[in-house]
PDB file of N, CA and C in Angstrom:
ATOM      1  N   MET A   1     115.168 114.939  87.729  1.00  0.00           N
ATOM      2  CA  MET A   1     113.777 115.730  87.798  1.00  0.00           C
ATOM      3  C   MET A   1     113.109 115.389  89.170  1.00  0.00           C
ATOM      4  N   ASN A   2     112.550 116.436  89.732  1.00  0.00           N
ATOM      5  CA  ASN A   2     111.863 116.285  90.837  1.00  0.00           C
ATOM      6  C   ASN A   2     110.319 116.277  90.751  1.00  0.00           C
ATOM      7  N   GLU A   3     109.723 115.127  90.645  1.00  0.00           N
ATOM      8  CA  GLU A   3     108.377 114.990  90.389  1.00  0.00           C
ATOM      9  C   GLU A   3     107.559 115.180  91.681  1.00  0.00           C
ATOM     10  N   ASN A   4     106.402 115.797  91.403  1.00  0.00           N
ATOM     11  CA  ASN A   4     105.473 115.921  92.614  1.00  0.00           C
ATOM     12  C   ASN A   4     104.104 115.477  92.224  1.00  0.00           C
ATOM     13  N   ALA A   5     103.369 114.935  93.033  1.00  0.00           N
ATOM     14  CA  ALA A   5     102.025 114.416  92.934  1.00  0.00           C
ATOM     15  C   ALA A   5     101.017 115.458  92.541  1.00  0.00           C
ATOM     16  N   VAL A   6     101.168 116.599  92.949  1.00  0.00           N
ATOM     17  CA  VAL A   6     100.165 117.650  92.686  1.00  0.00           C
ATOM     18  C   VAL A   6     100.171 117.930  91.062  1.00  0.00           C
ATOM     19  N   GLU A   7     101.311 118.065  90.549  1.00  0.00           N
ATOM     20  CA  GLU A   7     101.334 118.271  89.189  1.00  0.00           C
ATOM     21  C   GLU A   7     101.079 117.005  88.379  1.00  0.00           C
ATOM     22  N   LEU A   8     101.723 115.954  88.741  1.00  0.00           N
ATOM     23  CA  LEU A   8     101.359 114.609  88.045  1.00  0.00           C
ATOM     24  C   LEU A   8     100.011 114.077  87.909  1.00  0.00           C
ATOM     25  N   PHE A   9      99.338 114.330  89.143  1.00  0.00           N
ATOM     26  CA  PHE A   9      98.028 113.735  89.067  1.00  0.00           C
ATOM     27  C   PHE A   9      96.801 114.792  89.436  1.00  0.00           C
ATOM     28  N   ASP A  10      97.171 116.235  89.062  1.00  0.00           N
ATOM     29  CA  ASP A  10      96.280 117.282  89.223  1.00  0.00           C
ATOM     30  C   ASP A  10      95.623 117.196  90.716  1.00  0.00           C
ATOM     31  N   MET A  11      96.354 116.896  91.636  1.00  0.00           N
ATOM     32  CA  MET A  11      96.010 116.515  92.986  1.00  0.00           C
ATOM     33  C   MET A  11      95.346 117.963  93.623  1.00  0.00           C
ATOM     34  N   LYS A  12      94.069 117.706  94.179  1.00  0.00           N
ATOM     35  CA  LYS A  12      93.541 118.869  94.876  1.00  0.00           C
ATOM     36  C   LYS A  12      92.788 118.497  96.077  1.00  0.00           C
ATOM     37  N   VAL A  13      92.709 119.319  96.992  1.00  0.00           N
ATOM     38  CA  VAL A  13      91.773 119.016  98.116  1.00  0.00           C
ATOM     39  C   VAL A  13      90.405 118.753  97.828  1.00  0.00           C
ATOM     40  N   ALA A  14      89.737 117.679  98.127  1.00  0.00           N
ATOM     41  CA  ALA A  14      88.399 117.470  97.821  1.00  0.00           C
ATOM     42  C   ALA A  14      87.570 117.998  98.993  1.00  0.00           C
ATOM     43  N   HIS A  15      87.887 117.522 100.172  1.00  0.00           N
ATOM     44  CA  HIS A  15      87.242 117.978 101.324  1.00  0.00           C
ATOM     45  C   HIS A  15      87.972 117.772 102.516  1.00  0.00           C
ATOM     46  N   VAL A  16      87.638 118.416 103.637  1.00  0.00           N
ATOM     47  CA  VAL A  16      88.180 118.082 104.995  1.00  0.00           C
ATOM     48  C   VAL A  16      87.077 117.389 105.793  1.00  0.00           C
ATOM     49  N   GLY A  17      87.503 116.361 106.297  1.00  0.00           N
ATOM     50  CA  GLY A  17      86.474 115.571 107.276  1.00  0.00           C
ATOM     51  C   GLY A  17      86.744 115.921 108.744  1.00  0.00           C
ATOM     52  N   ILE A  18      85.743 116.087 109.510  1.00  0.00           N
ATOM     53  CA  ILE A  18      85.930 116.426 111.008  1.00  0.00           C
ATOM     54  C   ILE A  18      85.237 115.373 111.714  1.00  0.00           C
ATOM     55  N   ASN A  19      85.734 114.664 112.781  1.00  0.00           N
ATOM     56  CA  ASN A  19      85.072 113.714 113.454  1.00  0.00           C
ATOM     57  C   ASN A  19      84.258 114.255 114.627  1.00  0.00           C
ATOM     58  N   ALA A  20      82.922 114.061 114.553  1.00  0.00           N
ATOM     59  CA  ALA A  20      82.032 114.424 115.659  1.00  0.00           C
ATOM     60  C   ALA A  20      81.898 113.258 116.592  1.00  0.00           C
ATOM     61  N   ALA A  21      81.291 113.523 117.722  1.00  0.00           N
ATOM     62  CA  ALA A  21      81.161 112.446 118.725  1.00  0.00           C
ATOM     63  C   ALA A  21      79.865 111.507 118.434  1.00  0.00           C
ATOM     64  N   ASN A  22      78.919 112.195 117.791  1.00  0.00           N
ATOM     65  CA  ASN A  22      77.661 111.607 117.512  1.00  0.00           C
ATOM     66  C   ASN A  22      76.933 112.294 116.388  1.00  0.00           C
ATOM     67  N   ALA A  23      75.775 111.795 115.857  1.00  0.00           N
ATOM     68  CA  ALA A  23      75.004 112.495 114.737  1.00  0.00           C
ATOM     69  C   ALA A  23      74.553 113.788 115.100  1.00  0.00           C
ATOM     70  N   GLU A  24      74.152 114.050 116.398  1.00  0.00           N
ATOM     71  CA  GLU A  24      73.598 115.420 116.753  1.00  0.00           C
ATOM     72  C   GLU A  24      74.572 116.398 116.684  1.00  0.00           C
ATOM     73  N   GLU A  25      75.804 116.129 117.324  1.00  0.00           N
ATOM     74  CA  GLU A  25      76.967 116.991 117.262  1.00  0.00           C
ATOM     75  C   GLU A  25      77.367 117.445 115.741  1.00  0.00           C
ATOM     76  N   GLY A  26      77.356 116.274 115.056  1.00  0.00           N
ATOM     77  CA  GLY A  26      77.784 116.374 113.521  1.00  0.00           C
ATOM     78  C   GLY A  26      76.847 117.175 112.747  1.00  0.00           C
ATOM     79  N   SER A  27      75.541 117.117 113.010  1.00  0.00           N
ATOM     80  CA  SER A  27      74.385 117.860 112.375  1.00  0.00           C
ATOM     81  C   SER A  27      74.458 119.397 112.680  1.00  0.00           C
ATOM     82  N   GLY A  28      74.667 119.627 113.957  1.00  0.00           N
ATOM     83  CA  GLY A  28      74.938 121.105 114.499  1.00  0.00           C
ATOM     84  C   GLY A  28      76.181 121.595 113.782  1.00  0.00           C
ATOM     85  N   TRP A  29      77.202 120.895 113.712  1.00  0.00           N
ATOM     86  CA  TRP A  29      78.475 121.463 113.076  1.00  0.00           C
ATOM     87  C   TRP A  29      78.298 121.722 111.624  1.00  0.00           C
ATOM     88  N   ALA A  30      77.633 120.869 110.953  1.00  0.00           N
ATOM     89  CA  ALA A  30      77.314 120.940 109.526  1.00  0.00           C
ATOM     90  C   ALA A  30      76.369 122.097 109.165  1.00  0.00           C
ATOM     91  N   ASP A  31      75.463 122.441 110.232  1.00  0.00           N
ATOM     92  CA  ASP A  31      74.636 123.598 110.005  1.00  0.00           C
ATOM     93  C   ASP A  31      75.486 124.829 110.040  1.00  0.00           C
ATOM     94  N   GLN A  32      76.430 124.869 111.011  1.00  0.00           N
ATOM     95  CA  GLN A  32      77.342 126.033 111.177  1.00  0.00           C
ATOM     96  C   GLN A  32      78.133 126.282 109.908  1.00  0.00           C
ATOM     97  N   PHE A  33      78.688 125.265 109.382  1.00  0.00           N
ATOM     98  CA  PHE A  33      79.554 125.355 108.218  1.00  0.00           C
ATOM     99  C   PHE A  33      78.714 125.787 106.995  1.00  0.00           C
ATOM    100  N   ALA A  34      77.505 125.266 106.977  1.00  0.00           N
ATOM    101  CA  ALA A  34      76.482 125.654 105.842  1.00  0.00           C
ATOM    102  C   ALA A  34      76.122 127.123 105.985  1.00  0.00           C
ATOM    103  N   ALA A  35      76.048 127.552 107.122  1.00  0.00           N
ATOM    104  CA  ALA A  35      75.660 129.126 107.404  1.00  0.00           C
ATOM    105  C   ALA A  35      76.928 129.741 107.037  1.00  0.00           C
ATOM    106  N   LEU A  36      78.103 129.342 107.532  1.00  0.00           N
ATOM    107  CA  LEU A  36      79.275 130.152 107.075  1.00  0.00           C
ATOM    108  C   LEU A  36      79.616 130.319 105.728  1.00  0.00           C
ATOM    109  N   MET A  37      79.418 129.296 104.977  1.00  0.00           N
ATOM    110  CA  MET A  37      79.709 129.168 103.594  1.00  0.00           C
ATOM    111  C   MET A  37      78.563 129.382 102.626  1.00  0.00           C
ATOM    112  N   GLY A  38      77.319 129.443 103.128  1.00  0.00           N
ATOM    113  CA  GLY A  38      76.248 129.475 102.233  1.00  0.00           C
ATOM    114  C   GLY A  38      75.980 128.309 101.301  1.00  0.00           C
ATOM    115  N   LEU A  39      76.518 127.096 101.746  1.00  0.00           N
ATOM    116  CA  LEU A  39      76.411 125.981 101.083  1.00  0.00           C
ATOM    117  C   LEU A  39      75.376 124.964 101.717  1.00  0.00           C
ATOM    118  N   PRO A  40      74.784 124.172 100.876  1.00  0.00           N
ATOM    119  CA  PRO A  40      73.690 123.247 101.377  1.00  0.00           C
ATOM    120  C   PRO A  40      74.185 122.185 102.252  1.00  0.00           C
ATOM    121  N   LYS A  41      73.381 121.732 103.300  1.00  0.00           N
ATOM    122  CA  LYS A  41      73.771 120.547 104.134  1.00  0.00           C
ATOM    123  C   LYS A  41      73.221 119.400 103.393  1.00  0.00           C
ATOM    124  N   ARG A  42      73.985 118.296 103.390  1.00  0.00           N
ATOM    125  CA  ARG A  42      73.609 117.019 102.796  1.00  0.00           C
ATOM    126  C   ARG A  42      73.936 115.869 103.770  1.00  0.00           C
ATOM    127  N   GLU A  43      72.946 115.015 103.912  1.00  0.00           N
ATOM    128  CA  GLU A  43      73.278 113.818 104.956  1.00  0.00           C
ATOM    129  C   GLU A  43      73.469 112.703 104.133  1.00  0.00           C
ATOM    130  N   THR A  44      74.469 111.830 104.438  1.00  0.00           N
ATOM    131  CA  THR A  44      74.696 110.487 104.128  1.00  0.00           C
ATOM    132  C   THR A  44      74.500 109.472 105.285  1.00  0.00           C
ATOM    133  N   PRO A  45      74.605 108.213 104.966  1.00  0.00           N
ATOM    134  CA  PRO A  45      74.466 107.311 106.113  1.00  0.00           C
ATOM    135  C   PRO A  45      75.451 107.492 107.267  1.00  0.00           C
ATOM    136  N   VAL A  46      76.646 108.081 106.930  1.00  0.00           N
ATOM    137  CA  VAL A  46      77.621 108.054 107.897  1.00  0.00           C
ATOM    138  C   VAL A  46      78.132 109.526 108.266  1.00  0.00           C
ATOM    139  N   SER A  47      77.760 110.499 107.512  1.00  0.00           N
ATOM    140  CA  SER A  47      78.152 111.927 107.720  1.00  0.00           C
ATOM    141  C   SER A  47      77.201 113.027 107.234  1.00  0.00           C
ATOM    142  N   TYR A  48      77.495 114.161 107.512  1.00  0.00           N
ATOM    143  CA  TYR A  48      76.906 115.352 106.808  1.00  0.00           C
ATOM    144  C   TYR A  48      77.862 116.184 106.142  1.00  0.00           C
ATOM    145  N   PHE A  49      77.501 116.634 104.945  1.00  0.00           N
ATOM    146  CA  PHE A  49      78.404 117.415 104.057  1.00  0.00           C
ATOM    147  C   PHE A  49      77.807 118.819 104.063  1.00  0.00           C
ATOM    148  N   SER A  50      78.679 119.766 104.113  1.00  0.00           N
ATOM    149  CA  SER A  50      78.437 121.203 103.772  1.00  0.00           C
ATOM    150  C   SER A  50      78.933 121.543 102.480  1.00  0.00           C
ATOM    151  N   GLY A  51      78.127 121.484 101.484  1.00  0.00           N
ATOM    152  CA  GLY A  51      78.583 121.516 100.087  1.00  0.00           C
ATOM    153  C   GLY A  51      79.398 120.214  99.910  1.00  0.00           C
ATOM    154  N   ASP A  52      80.478 120.460  99.192  1.00  0.00           N
ATOM    155  CA  ASP A  52      81.411 119.255  99.013  1.00  0.00           C
ATOM    156  C   ASP A  52      82.687 119.537  99.778  1.00  0.00           C
ATOM    157  N   LEU A  53      82.837 120.683 100.626  1.00  0.00           N
ATOM    158  CA  LEU A  53      84.043 121.073 101.151  1.00  0.00           C
ATOM    159  C   LEU A  53      84.260 120.453 102.514  1.00  0.00           C
ATOM    160  N   VAL A  54      83.233 120.204 103.178  1.00  0.00           N
ATOM    161  CA  VAL A  54      83.433 119.818 104.617  1.00  0.00           C
ATOM    162  C   VAL A  54      82.508 118.663 104.902  1.00  0.00           C
ATOM    163  N   GLU A  55      83.060 117.533 105.381  1.00  0.00           N
ATOM    164  CA  GLU A  55      82.416 116.448 105.811  1.00  0.00           C
ATOM    165  C   GLU A  55      82.374 116.213 107.248  1.00  0.00           C
ATOM    166  N   ILE A  56      81.273 116.170 108.010  1.00  0.00           N
ATOM    167  CA  ILE A  56      81.258 115.991 109.296  1.00  0.00           C
ATOM    168  C   ILE A  56      80.863 114.537 109.599  1.00  0.00           C
ATOM    169  N   MET A  57      81.715 113.720 110.148  1.00  0.00           N
ATOM    170  CA  MET A  57      81.413 112.229 110.433  1.00  0.00           C
ATOM    171  C   MET A  57      80.347 112.231 111.734  1.00  0.00           C
ATOM    172  N   LYS A  58      79.313 111.380 111.535  1.00  0.00           N
ATOM    173  CA  LYS A  58      78.389 111.174 112.551  1.00  0.00           C
ATOM    174  C   LYS A  58      79.006 110.598 113.869  1.00  0.00           C
ATOM    175  N   GLN A  59      79.825 109.771 113.622  1.00  0.00           N
ATOM    176  CA  GLN A  59      80.727 109.100 114.811  1.00  0.00           C
ATOM    177  C   GLN A  59      82.235 109.304 114.427  1.00  0.00           C
ATOM    178  N   ASN A  60      83.054 109.138 115.347  1.00  0.00           N
ATOM    179  CA  ASN A  60      84.426 109.322 115.180  1.00  0.00           C
ATOM    180  C   ASN A  60      84.914 108.286 113.939  1.00  0.00           C
ATOM    181  N   GLY A  61      85.438 108.947 112.793  1.00  0.00           N
ATOM    182  CA  GLY A  61      85.946 108.232 111.678  1.00  0.00           C
ATOM    183  C   GLY A  61      87.511 107.925 111.845  1.00  0.00           C
ATOM    184  N   ARG A  62      87.944 107.840 110.594  1.00  0.00           N
ATOM    185  CA  ARG A  62      89.415 107.607 110.661  1.00  0.00           C
ATOM    186  C   ARG A  62      90.153 108.838 110.985  1.00  0.00           C
ATOM    187  N   GLY A  63      91.230 108.772 111.593  1.00  0.00           N
ATOM    188  CA  GLY A  63      92.027 109.907 111.915  1.00  0.00           C
ATOM    189  C   GLY A  63      91.653 110.447 113.370  1.00  0.00           C
ATOM    190  N   ALA A  64      92.531 110.756 114.240  1.00  0.00           N
ATOM    191  CA  ALA A  64      92.186 111.149 115.598  1.00  0.00           C
ATOM    192  C   ALA A  64      91.238 112.430 115.441  1.00  0.00           C
ATOM    193  N   LYS A  65      91.607 113.357 114.627  1.00  0.00           N
ATOM    194  CA  LYS A  65      90.753 114.558 114.425  1.00  0.00           C
ATOM    195  C   LYS A  65      89.814 114.519 113.152  1.00  0.00           C
ATOM    196  N   GLY A  66      90.292 113.703 112.199  1.00  0.00           N
ATOM    197  CA  GLY A  66      89.413 113.546 111.023  1.00  0.00           C
ATOM    198  C   GLY A  66      90.254 113.114 109.914  1.00  0.00           C
ATOM    199  N   HIS A  67      89.852 113.644 108.646  1.00  0.00           N
ATOM    200  CA  HIS A  67      90.592 113.170 107.443  1.00  0.00           C
ATOM    201  C   HIS A  67      90.530 114.266 106.421  1.00  0.00           C
ATOM    202  N   ILE A  68      91.539 114.255 105.524  1.00  0.00           N
ATOM    203  CA  ILE A  68      91.534 115.058 104.352  1.00  0.00           C
ATOM    204  C   ILE A  68      91.472 114.165 103.078  1.00  0.00           C
ATOM    205  N   GLY A  69      90.556 114.533 102.261  1.00  0.00           N
ATOM    206  CA  GLY A  69      90.310 113.778 101.056  1.00  0.00           C
ATOM    207  C   GLY A  69      91.125 114.656  99.903  1.00  0.00           C
ATOM    208  N   PHE A  70      91.710 113.982  99.064  1.00  0.00           N
ATOM    209  CA  PHE A  70      92.378 114.537  97.853  1.00  0.00           C
ATOM    210  C   PHE A  70      91.956 113.995  96.651  1.00  0.00           C
ATOM    211  N   THR A  71      91.439 114.632  95.581  1.00  0.00           N
ATOM    212  CA  THR A  71      91.133 114.093  94.251  1.00  0.00           C
ATOM    213  C   THR A  71      92.468 113.936  93.380  1.00  0.00           C
ATOM    214  N   VAL A  72      92.469 112.933  92.677  1.00  0.00           N
ATOM    215  CA  VAL A  72      93.547 112.701  91.683  1.00  0.00           C
ATOM    216  C   VAL A  72      93.004 112.301  90.339  1.00  0.00           C
ATOM    217  N   ASN A  73      93.631 112.587  89.369  1.00  0.00           N
ATOM    218  CA  ASN A  73      93.121 112.239  87.984  1.00  0.00           C
ATOM    219  C   ASN A  73      93.341 110.727  87.481  1.00  0.00           C
ATOM    220  N   ASN A  74      94.106 109.951  88.410  1.00  0.00           N
ATOM    221  CA  ASN A  74      94.219 108.548  88.187  1.00  0.00           C
ATOM    222  C   ASN A  74      94.743 107.924  89.472  1.00  0.00           C
ATOM    223  N   CYS A  75      93.855 107.335  90.088  1.00  0.00           N
ATOM    224  CA  CYS A  75      94.128 106.700  91.515  1.00  0.00           C
ATOM    225  C   CYS A  75      95.201 105.565  91.429  1.00  0.00           C
ATOM    226  N   GLU A  76      94.956 104.887  90.443  1.00  0.00           N
ATOM    227  CA  GLU A  76      95.831 103.688  90.332  1.00  0.00           C
ATOM    228  C   GLU A  76      97.396 104.178  90.081  1.00  0.00           C
ATOM    229  N   LYS A  77      97.626 105.111  89.146  1.00  0.00           N
ATOM    230  CA  LYS A  77      98.855 105.530  88.952  1.00  0.00           C
ATOM    231  C   LYS A  77      99.449 106.275  90.186  1.00  0.00           C
ATOM    232  N   ALA A  78      98.594 106.937  90.861  1.00  0.00           N
ATOM    233  CA  ALA A  78      98.921 107.779  92.027  1.00  0.00           C
ATOM    234  C   ALA A  78      99.412 106.824  93.107  1.00  0.00           C
ATOM    235  N   MET A  79      98.713 105.639  93.312  1.00  0.00           N
ATOM    236  CA  MET A  79      98.966 104.661  94.223  1.00  0.00           C
ATOM    237  C   MET A  79     100.471 104.090  93.941  1.00  0.00           C
ATOM    238  N   GLU A  80     100.603 103.853  92.596  1.00  0.00           N
ATOM    239  CA  GLU A  80     102.121 103.338  92.191  1.00  0.00           C
ATOM    240  C   GLU A  80     103.100 104.401  92.609  1.00  0.00           C
ATOM    241  N   PHE A  81     102.844 105.654  92.291  1.00  0.00           N
ATOM    242  CA  PHE A  81     103.830 106.769  92.621  1.00  0.00           C
ATOM    243  C   PHE A  81     104.092 106.779  94.183  1.00  0.00           C
ATOM    244  N   PHE A  82     103.100 106.766  94.863  1.00  0.00           N
ATOM    245  CA  PHE A  82     103.278 106.778  96.318  1.00  0.00           C
ATOM    246  C   PHE A  82     103.888 105.513  96.931  1.00  0.00           C
ATOM    247  N   ALA A  83     103.538 104.265  96.362  1.00  0.00           N
ATOM    248  CA  ALA A  83     104.098 103.056  96.897  1.00  0.00           C
ATOM    249  C   ALA A  83     105.514 103.002  96.550  1.00  0.00           C
ATOM    250  N   ALA A  84     106.004 103.645  95.407  1.00  0.00           N
ATOM    251  CA  ALA A  84     107.403 103.617  95.165  1.00  0.00           C
ATOM    252  C   ALA A  84     108.188 104.557  96.026  1.00  0.00           C
ATOM    253  N   ARG A  85     107.510 105.384  96.694  1.00  0.00           N
ATOM    254  CA  ARG A  85     108.092 106.184  97.758  1.00  0.00           C
ATOM    255  C   ARG A  85     108.012 105.748  99.097  1.00  0.00           C
ATOM    256  N   GLY A  86     107.532 104.458  99.213  1.00  0.00           N
ATOM    257  CA  GLY A  86     107.432 103.956 100.564  1.00  0.00           C
ATOM    258  C   GLY A  86     106.215 103.888 101.314  1.00  0.00           C
ATOM    259  N   MET A  87     105.213 104.700 100.718  1.00  0.00           N
ATOM    260  CA  MET A  87     103.796 104.835 101.335  1.00  0.00           C
ATOM    261  C   MET A  87     103.114 103.615 101.215  1.00  0.00           C
ATOM    262  N   LYS A  88     102.191 103.292 102.216  1.00  0.00           N
ATOM    263  CA  LYS A  88     101.391 102.025 102.220  1.00  0.00           C
ATOM    264  C   LYS A  88      99.997 102.571 102.322  1.00  0.00           C
ATOM    265  N   PHE A  89      99.024 101.732 101.927  1.00  0.00           N
ATOM    266  CA  PHE A  89      97.648 101.894 101.939  1.00  0.00           C
ATOM    267  C   PHE A  89      96.910 101.001 102.816  1.00  0.00           C
ATOM    268  N   VAL A  90      95.733 101.357 103.255  1.00  0.00           N
ATOM    269  CA  VAL A  90      94.844 100.322 104.055  1.00  0.00           C
ATOM    270  C   VAL A  90      93.835  99.664 103.098  1.00  0.00           C
ATOM    271  N   GLU A  91      94.319  98.479 102.853  1.00  0.00           N
ATOM    272  CA  GLU A  91      93.732  97.692 101.844  1.00  0.00           C
ATOM    273  C   GLU A  91      92.182  97.611 101.852  1.00  0.00           C
ATOM    274  N   GLU A  92      91.708  97.456 103.133  1.00  0.00           N
ATOM    275  CA  GLU A  92      90.212  97.250 103.270  1.00  0.00           C
ATOM    276  C   GLU A  92      89.404  98.520 102.958  1.00  0.00           C
ATOM    277  N   THR A  93      90.086  99.713 102.839  1.00  0.00           N
ATOM    278  CA  THR A  93      89.377 101.005 102.397  1.00  0.00           C
ATOM    279  C   THR A  93      89.268 101.079 100.828  1.00  0.00           C
ATOM    280  N   LYS A  94      89.906 100.346 100.250  1.00  0.00           N
ATOM    281  CA  LYS A  94      89.898 100.409  98.712  1.00  0.00           C
ATOM    282  C   LYS A  94      88.535 100.219  98.164  1.00  0.00           C
ATOM    283  N   LYS A  95      88.114 101.104  97.130  1.00  0.00           N
ATOM    284  CA  LYS A  95      86.802 100.973  96.429  1.00  0.00           C
ATOM    285  C   LYS A  95      87.257 100.925  94.943  1.00  0.00           C
ATOM    286  N   PHE A  96      86.518 100.182  94.170  1.00  0.00           N
ATOM    287  CA  PHE A  96      86.776  99.825  92.803  1.00  0.00           C
ATOM    288  C   PHE A  96      85.703 100.197  91.894  1.00  0.00           C
ATOM    289  N   ASP A  97      85.990 100.592  90.528  1.00  0.00           N
ATOM    290  CA  ASP A  97      84.935 100.802  89.640  1.00  0.00           C
ATOM    291  C   ASP A  97      84.538  99.590  88.904  1.00  0.00           C
ATOM    292  N   GLU A  98      83.750  99.637  87.874  1.00  0.00           N
ATOM    293  CA  GLU A  98      83.144  98.440  87.274  1.00  0.00           C
ATOM    294  C   GLU A  98      84.277  97.586  86.532  1.00  0.00           C
ATOM    295  N   ASN A  99      85.302  98.454  86.149  1.00  0.00           N
ATOM    296  CA  ASN A  99      86.432  97.915  85.505  1.00  0.00           C
ATOM    297  C   ASN A  99      87.493  97.066  86.369  1.00  0.00           C
ATOM    298  N   GLY A 100      87.255  97.322  87.785  1.00  0.00           N
ATOM    299  CA  GLY A 100      88.239  96.837  88.704  1.00  0.00           C
ATOM    300  C   GLY A 100      89.475  97.811  89.093  1.00  0.00           C
ATOM    301  N   ALA A 101      89.294  98.928  88.494  1.00  0.00           N
ATOM    302  CA  ALA A 101      90.212  99.927  88.986  1.00  0.00           C
ATOM    303  C   ALA A 101      90.077 100.558  90.256  1.00  0.00           C
ATOM    304  N   CYS A 102      91.078 100.742  91.113  1.00  0.00           N
ATOM    305  CA  CYS A 102      90.766 101.433  92.481  1.00  0.00           C
ATOM    306  C   CYS A 102      90.553 102.833  92.220  1.00  0.00           C
ATOM    307  N   THR A 103      89.481 103.186  92.933  1.00  0.00           N
ATOM    308  CA  THR A 103      89.039 104.734  92.789  1.00  0.00           C
ATOM    309  C   THR A 103      89.052 105.417  94.078  1.00  0.00           C
ATOM    310  N   PHE A 104      89.414 104.747  95.188  1.00  0.00           N
ATOM    311  CA  PHE A 104      89.436 105.320  96.498  1.00  0.00           C
ATOM    312  C   PHE A 104      90.227 104.509  97.352  1.00  0.00           C
ATOM    313  N   VAL A 105      90.999 105.246  98.213  1.00  0.00           N
ATOM    314  CA  VAL A 105      91.910 104.430  99.166  1.00  0.00           C
ATOM    315  C   VAL A 105      92.493 105.507 100.174  1.00  0.00           C
ATOM    316  N   TYR A 106      92.477 104.869 101.390  1.00  0.00           N
ATOM    317  CA  TYR A 106      93.326 105.573 102.631  1.00  0.00           C
ATOM    318  C   TYR A 106      94.718 105.203 102.655  1.00  0.00           C
ATOM    319  N   PHE A 107      95.750 106.145 103.055  1.00  0.00           N
ATOM    320  CA  PHE A 107      97.047 105.882 103.332  1.00  0.00           C
ATOM    321  C   PHE A 107      97.055 105.378 104.687  1.00  0.00           C
ATOM    322  N   GLU A 108      97.930 104.595 105.049  1.00  0.00           N
ATOM    323  CA  GLU A 108      98.240 104.129 106.421  1.00  0.00           C
ATOM    324  C   GLU A 108      98.762 105.444 107.268  1.00  0.00           C
ATOM    325  N   GLY A 109      98.425 105.325 108.502  1.00  0.00           N
ATOM    326  CA  GLY A 109      98.937 106.400 109.401  1.00  0.00           C
ATOM    327  C   GLY A 109      98.195 107.762 109.294  1.00  0.00           C
ATOM    328  N   GLU A 110      98.626 108.667 109.902  1.00  0.00           N
ATOM    329  CA  GLU A 110      98.040 110.028 110.007  1.00  0.00           C
ATOM    330  C   GLU A 110      99.130 111.073 109.953  1.00  0.00           C
ATOM    331  N   ILE A 111      98.734 112.271 109.526  1.00  0.00           N
ATOM    332  CA  ILE A 111      99.555 113.400 109.670  1.00  0.00           C
ATOM    333  C   ILE A 111      98.775 114.458 110.329  1.00  0.00           C
ATOM    334  N   GLY A 112      99.366 114.752 111.488  1.00  0.00           N
ATOM    335  CA  GLY A 112      98.796 115.802 112.364  1.00  0.00           C
ATOM    336  C   GLY A 112      97.364 115.414 113.000  1.00  0.00           C
ATOM    337  N   GLY A 113      97.266 114.200 113.073  1.00  0.00           N
ATOM    338  CA  GLY A 113      95.882 113.662 113.700  1.00  0.00           C
ATOM    339  C   GLY A 113      94.861 113.339 112.418  1.00  0.00           C
ATOM    340  N   PHE A 114      95.223 113.530 111.170  1.00  0.00           N
ATOM    341  CA  PHE A 114      94.444 113.553 110.151  1.00  0.00           C
ATOM    342  C   PHE A 114      94.642 112.289 109.288  1.00  0.00           C
ATOM    343  N   ALA A 115      93.758 111.446 109.008  1.00  0.00           N
ATOM    344  CA  ALA A 115      93.799 110.261 107.994  1.00  0.00           C
ATOM    345  C   ALA A 115      93.801 111.106 106.678  1.00  0.00           C
ATOM    346  N   ILE A 116      94.497 110.516 105.730  1.00  0.00           N
ATOM    347  CA  ILE A 116      94.441 110.921 104.320  1.00  0.00           C
ATOM    348  C   ILE A 116      94.025 109.830 103.306  1.00  0.00           C
ATOM    349  N   HIS A 117      93.160 110.296 102.471  1.00  0.00           N
ATOM    350  CA  HIS A 117      92.711 109.436 101.469  1.00  0.00           C
ATOM    351  C   HIS A 117      92.656 110.089  99.941  1.00  0.00           C
ATOM    352  N   MET A 118      92.695 109.233  98.921  1.00  0.00           N
ATOM    353  CA  MET A 118      92.630 109.787  97.573  1.00  0.00           C
ATOM    354  C   MET A 118      91.315 109.148  96.964  1.00  0.00           C
ATOM    355  N   ILE A 119      90.786 109.991  96.099  1.00  0.00           N
ATOM    356  CA  ILE A 119      89.609 109.570  95.451  1.00  0.00           C
ATOM    357  C   ILE A 119      89.704 110.076  93.985  1.00  0.00           C
ATOM    358  N   GLN A 120      89.422 109.111  93.015  1.00  0.00           N
ATOM    359  CA  GLN A 120      89.472 109.373  91.600  1.00  0.00           C
ATOM    360  C   GLN A 120      88.535 110.456  91.308  1.00  0.00           C
ATOM    361  N   ALA A 121      89.041 111.643  90.538  1.00  0.00           N
ATOM    362  CA  ALA A 121      88.344 112.788  90.191  1.00  0.00           C
ATOM    363  C   ALA A 121      87.318 112.273  89.105  1.00  0.00           C
ATOM    364  N   ASP A 122      86.256 112.988  89.011  1.00  0.00           N
ATOM    365  CA  ASP A 122      85.289 112.533  87.938  1.00  0.00           C
ATOM    366  C   ASP A 122      85.578 113.124  86.529  1.00  0.00           C
TER     367      ASP A 122
END
């Protein structure tokens, strides 16, 4: 049987992250995406979001070009699945819930200049 992560973990693109050189550039890009998509601009300490679809990093973040975030229905099980296939994770990026389960993690390396992370779906 050929298992795939999309079906096993209801994997979906959560957002695309783009690295800006600084907060001013990031704010401008977020305004442009907000205008394009009609979504509200939201600021966090490290980034701007246009809705939940596009995240603009205020300073270069992970990945040469940015990052792609994927939601999964079980981050712990998805990590086991990918680890069994030889994938590795950036340990210092892990975030945990109150029960100690991992809810966020970056994969090691990049694909096409983009870092990849998984986040537990709500």
